[in-house]
Amino acid sequence: MKIVVSACLAGENCKYNGGNNYSEKLADFAAKKKAEIIKVCPEILGVLPVPRVPCEIVAGKVMSKDGKSTDREFRQGAAKALEIVRRENPDLVILQSRSPSCGVNQIYDGSFSGKKISGQGIFASLVKESGFKVIDIEELQ
């Protein structure tokens, strides 16, 4: 089995705040399935710094909390990450919840208040539209 995962879930310090979202559940799943893990971070691939100002999708565009557009970087990084997914052709893609890149079922609403709405991040949307099986880490059994 081959899985593509959000790099932060595998322990890479690529989150906006310089940390990660290491998931023991992911590590256990991968070990149990003897899965090959391919890590991607669309935000790093979009040449965004670590740490960086938090970003959310505001009216269809990715914006930083300080009002700057990061849409181009997010979209370029998502396109590069999608190239990796296509090349690797994984059985499953497991992404980080609520991220403006990787959110599968929910994202933040763009108000930077912590409110969540139904929606998808830029990368998650591209991967789903390309026909790959994508789940949110919270859905992992």
C-alpha atoms as a PDB file:
ATOM      1  CA  MET A   1       0.000   0.000   0.000  1.00  0.00           C
ATOM      2  CA  LYS A   2       1.172   3.507  -0.816  1.00  0.00           C
ATOM      3  CA  ILE A   3      -0.197   6.602   0.930  1.00  0.00           C
ATOM      4  CA  VAL A   4       0.432  10.298   0.440  1.00  0.00           C
ATOM      5  CA  VAL A   5       0.114  12.268   3.672  1.00  0.00           C
ATOM      6  CA  SER A   6       0.271  15.868   4.811  1.00  0.00           C
ATOM      7  CA  ALA A   7       3.900  16.163   5.927  1.00  0.00           C
ATOM      8  CA  CYS A   8       2.881  17.745   9.244  1.00  0.00           C
ATOM      9  CA  LEU A   9       0.987  14.535  10.144  1.00  0.00           C
ATOM     10  CA  ALA A  10       4.240  12.600   9.729  1.00  0.00           C
ATOM     11  CA  GLY A  11       5.994  14.949  12.165  1.00  0.00           C
ATOM     12  CA  GLU A  12       7.591  17.476   9.831  1.00  0.00           C
ATOM     13  CA  ASN A  13       7.716  20.953  11.324  1.00  0.00           C
ATOM     14  CA  CYS A  14       6.025  22.715   8.422  1.00  0.00           C
ATOM     15  CA  LYS A  15       2.914  24.202  10.067  1.00  0.00           C
ATOM     16  CA  TYR A  16       2.332  27.947  10.020  1.00  0.00           C
ATOM     17  CA  ASN A  17       3.530  28.138  13.650  1.00  0.00           C
ATOM     18  CA  GLY A  18       6.677  26.084  13.014  1.00  0.00           C
ATOM     19  CA  GLY A  19       5.278  22.939  14.622  1.00  0.00           C
ATOM     20  CA  ASN A  20       3.677  19.762  13.340  1.00  0.00           C
ATOM     21  CA  ASN A  21       0.520  17.684  13.733  1.00  0.00           C
ATOM     22  CA  TYR A  22       2.212  14.323  14.312  1.00  0.00           C
ATOM     23  CA  SER A  23      -0.420  11.600  14.305  1.00  0.00           C
ATOM     24  CA  GLU A  24       0.149   8.388  16.231  1.00  0.00           C
ATOM     25  CA  LYS A  25      -3.015   7.091  14.552  1.00  0.00           C
ATOM     26  CA  LEU A  26      -1.383   7.616  11.137  1.00  0.00           C
ATOM     27  CA  ALA A  27       1.868   5.973  12.259  1.00  0.00           C
ATOM     28  CA  ASP A  28      -0.046   2.932  13.597  1.00  0.00           C
ATOM     29  CA  PHE A  29      -2.156   2.687  10.417  1.00  0.00           C
ATOM     30  CA  ALA A  30       0.912   2.875   8.175  1.00  0.00           C
ATOM     31  CA  ALA A  31       2.762   0.251  10.232  1.00  0.00           C
ATOM     32  CA  LYS A  32      -0.226  -2.085  10.265  1.00  0.00           C
ATOM     33  CA  LYS A  33      -0.691  -1.785   6.484  1.00  0.00           C
ATOM     34  CA  LYS A  34       3.083  -1.851   5.825  1.00  0.00           C
ATOM     35  CA  ALA A  35       2.415   1.285   3.823  1.00  0.00           C
ATOM     36  CA  GLU A  36       4.941   3.335   1.955  1.00  0.00           C
ATOM     37  CA  ILE A  37       4.456   6.949   3.081  1.00  0.00           C
ATOM     38  CA  ILE A  38       5.024   9.886   0.735  1.00  0.00           C
ATOM     39  CA  LYS A  39       4.989  13.211   2.599  1.00  0.00           C
ATOM     40  CA  VAL A  40       3.880  16.428   0.927  1.00  0.00           C
ATOM     41  CA  CYS A  41       3.380  19.955   2.187  1.00  0.00           C
ATOM     42  CA  PRO A  42       1.755  22.148  -0.456  1.00  0.00           C
ATOM     43  CA  GLU A  43       2.609  25.254   1.549  1.00  0.00           C
ATOM     44  CA  ILE A  44       6.328  24.444   1.588  1.00  0.00           C
ATOM     45  CA  LEU A  45       6.129  23.525  -2.111  1.00  0.00           C
ATOM     46  CA  GLY A  46       4.565  26.973  -2.638  1.00  0.00           C
ATOM     47  CA  VAL A  47       7.696  28.459  -1.042  1.00  0.00           C
ATOM     48  CA  LEU A  48       5.940  29.817   2.027  1.00  0.00           C
ATOM     49  CA  PRO A  49       8.180  30.309   5.076  1.00  0.00           C
ATOM     50  CA  VAL A  50       8.050  28.392   8.368  1.00  0.00           C
ATOM     51  CA  PRO A  51       6.814  29.899  10.559  1.00  0.00           C
ATOM     52  CA  ARG A  52       4.370  32.106   8.668  1.00  0.00           C
ATOM     53  CA  VAL A  53       1.353  34.285   9.376  1.00  0.00           C
ATOM     54  CA  PRO A  54      -1.806  32.116   9.614  1.00  0.00           C
ATOM     55  CA  CYS A  55      -3.831  31.953   6.400  1.00  0.00           C
ATOM     56  CA  GLU A  56      -7.459  31.184   5.606  1.00  0.00           C
ATOM     57  CA  ILE A  57      -9.604  31.135   2.497  1.00  0.00           C
ATOM     58  CA  VAL A  58     -11.461  34.447   2.250  1.00  0.00           C
ATOM     59  CA  ALA A  59     -14.021  34.775  -0.558  1.00  0.00           C
ATOM     60  CA  GLY A  60     -12.270  32.065  -2.573  1.00  0.00           C
ATOM     61  CA  LYS A  61      -8.748  33.477  -2.166  1.00  0.00           C
ATOM     62  CA  VAL A  62      -6.111  32.516   0.392  1.00  0.00           C
ATOM     63  CA  MET A  63      -5.237  35.487   2.577  1.00  0.00           C
ATOM     64  CA  SER A  64      -2.946  35.882   5.568  1.00  0.00           C
ATOM     65  CA  LYS A  65      -4.276  37.190   8.857  1.00  0.00           C
ATOM     66  CA  ASP A  66      -2.411  40.453   8.213  1.00  0.00           C
ATOM     67  CA  GLY A  67      -4.346  40.989   4.958  1.00  0.00           C
ATOM     68  CA  LYS A  68      -1.760  39.903   2.381  1.00  0.00           C
ATOM     69  CA  SER A  69      -2.704  37.578  -0.467  1.00  0.00           C
ATOM     70  CA  THR A  70      -0.927  34.216  -0.340  1.00  0.00           C
ATOM     71  CA  ASP A  71      -3.257  32.742  -2.962  1.00  0.00           C
ATOM     72  CA  ARG A  72      -0.603  32.382  -5.671  1.00  0.00           C
ATOM     73  CA  GLU A  73       1.788  30.540  -3.331  1.00  0.00           C
ATOM     74  CA  PHE A  74      -0.965  28.212  -2.077  1.00  0.00           C
ATOM     75  CA  ARG A  75      -2.138  27.405  -5.605  1.00  0.00           C
ATOM     76  CA  GLN A  76       1.380  26.870  -6.963  1.00  0.00           C
ATOM     77  CA  GLY A  77       2.226  24.604  -4.028  1.00  0.00           C
ATOM     78  CA  ALA A  78      -1.017  22.661  -4.458  1.00  0.00           C
ATOM     79  CA  ALA A  79      -0.245  22.142  -8.165  1.00  0.00           C
ATOM     80  CA  LYS A  80       3.275  20.873  -7.345  1.00  0.00           C
ATOM     81  CA  ALA A  81       1.888  18.574  -4.642  1.00  0.00           C
ATOM     82  CA  LEU A  82      -0.699  17.250  -7.105  1.00  0.00           C
ATOM     83  CA  GLU A  83       2.130  16.414  -9.535  1.00  0.00           C
ATOM     84  CA  ILE A  84       3.681  14.259  -6.792  1.00  0.00           C
ATOM     85  CA  VAL A  85       0.362  12.533  -6.130  1.00  0.00           C
ATOM     86  CA  ARG A  86      -0.111  11.809  -9.828  1.00  0.00           C
ATOM     87  CA  ARG A  87       3.436  10.483 -10.171  1.00  0.00           C
ATOM     88  CA  GLU A  88       3.167   8.283  -7.058  1.00  0.00           C
ATOM     89  CA  ASN A  89      -0.408   7.105  -7.777  1.00  0.00           C
ATOM     90  CA  PRO A  90      -1.187   6.249  -4.132  1.00  0.00           C
ATOM     91  CA  ASP A  91      -3.918   3.972  -2.826  1.00  0.00           C
ATOM     92  CA  LEU A  92      -4.959   6.660  -0.359  1.00  0.00           C
ATOM     93  CA  VAL A  93      -4.291  10.331   0.453  1.00  0.00           C
ATOM     94  CA  ILE A  94      -4.596  11.367   4.123  1.00  0.00           C
ATOM     95  CA  LEU A  95      -4.690  15.094   4.799  1.00  0.00           C
ATOM     96  CA  GLN A  96      -4.717  17.471   7.769  1.00  0.00           C
ATOM     97  CA  SER A  97      -8.076  18.755   8.954  1.00  0.00           C
ATOM     98  CA  ARG A  98      -9.173  22.365   8.432  1.00  0.00           C
ATOM     99  CA  SER A  99      -6.036  23.514   6.609  1.00  0.00           C
ATOM    100  CA  PRO A 100      -6.468  26.051   3.767  1.00  0.00           C
ATOM    101  CA  SER A 101      -4.354  23.591   1.735  1.00  0.00           C
ATOM    102  CA  CYS A 102      -5.308  20.174   3.043  1.00  0.00           C
ATOM    103  CA  GLY A 103      -8.733  20.507   4.687  1.00  0.00           C
ATOM    104  CA  VAL A 104     -10.908  17.705   3.300  1.00  0.00           C
ATOM    105  CA  ASN A 105     -14.297  18.277   4.930  1.00  0.00           C
ATOM    106  CA  GLN A 106     -13.929  21.571   6.780  1.00  0.00           C
ATOM    107  CA  ILE A 107     -11.888  24.742   6.617  1.00  0.00           C
ATOM    108  CA  TYR A 108     -11.863  27.888   8.712  1.00  0.00           C
ATOM    109  CA  ASP A 109     -14.403  30.465   7.551  1.00  0.00           C
ATOM    110  CA  GLY A 110     -11.973  33.259   6.631  1.00  0.00           C
ATOM    111  CA  SER A 111     -12.709  35.435   9.661  1.00  0.00           C
ATOM    112  CA  PHE A 112      -9.653  34.227  11.626  1.00  0.00           C
ATOM    113  CA  SER A 113     -11.987  33.650  14.569  1.00  0.00           C
ATOM    114  CA  GLY A 114     -11.633  29.853  14.702  1.00  0.00           C
ATOM    115  CA  LYS A 115     -15.098  29.275  13.188  1.00  0.00           C
ATOM    116  CA  LYS A 116     -15.226  26.244  10.882  1.00  0.00           C
ATOM    117  CA  ILE A 117     -17.370  25.724   7.798  1.00  0.00           C
ATOM    118  CA  SER A 118     -17.877  22.900   5.322  1.00  0.00           C
ATOM    119  CA  GLY A 119     -15.354  23.195   2.544  1.00  0.00           C
ATOM    120  CA  GLN A 120     -12.038  22.044   1.167  1.00  0.00           C
ATOM    121  CA  GLY A 121      -8.540  23.408   1.038  1.00  0.00           C
ATOM    122  CA  ILE A 122      -6.867  24.171  -2.290  1.00  0.00           C
ATOM    123  CA  PHE A 123      -4.796  20.963  -2.463  1.00  0.00           C
ATOM    124  CA  ALA A 124      -7.534  18.686  -1.099  1.00  0.00           C
ATOM    125  CA  SER A 125      -9.903  19.966  -3.760  1.00  0.00           C
ATOM    126  CA  LEU A 126      -7.412  19.337  -6.584  1.00  0.00           C
ATOM    127  CA  VAL A 127      -6.656  15.806  -5.382  1.00  0.00           C
ATOM    128  CA  LYS A 128     -10.340  14.909  -5.068  1.00  0.00           C
ATOM    129  CA  GLU A 129     -11.157  16.390  -8.488  1.00  0.00           C
ATOM    130  CA  SER A 130      -8.329  14.274  -9.931  1.00  0.00           C
ATOM    131  CA  GLY A 131     -10.066  11.115  -8.747  1.00  0.00           C
ATOM    132  CA  PHE A 132      -7.845  10.032  -5.860  1.00  0.00           C
ATOM    133  CA  LYS A 133      -9.265   8.575  -2.637  1.00  0.00           C
ATOM    134  CA  VAL A 134      -8.816  11.308  -0.016  1.00  0.00           C
ATOM    135  CA  ILE A 135      -9.667  11.235   3.673  1.00  0.00           C
ATOM    136  CA  ASP A 136      -9.270  13.595   6.578  1.00  0.00           C
ATOM    137  CA  ILE A 137      -6.940  12.337   9.322  1.00  0.00           C
ATOM    138  CA  GLU A 138      -9.937  12.467  11.664  1.00  0.00           C
ATOM    139  CA  GLU A 139     -11.670   9.841   9.480  1.00  0.00           C
ATOM    140  CA  LEU A 140      -8.798   7.364   9.769  1.00  0.00           C
ATOM    141  CA  GLN A 141      -9.975   4.149  11.438  1.00  0.00           C
END
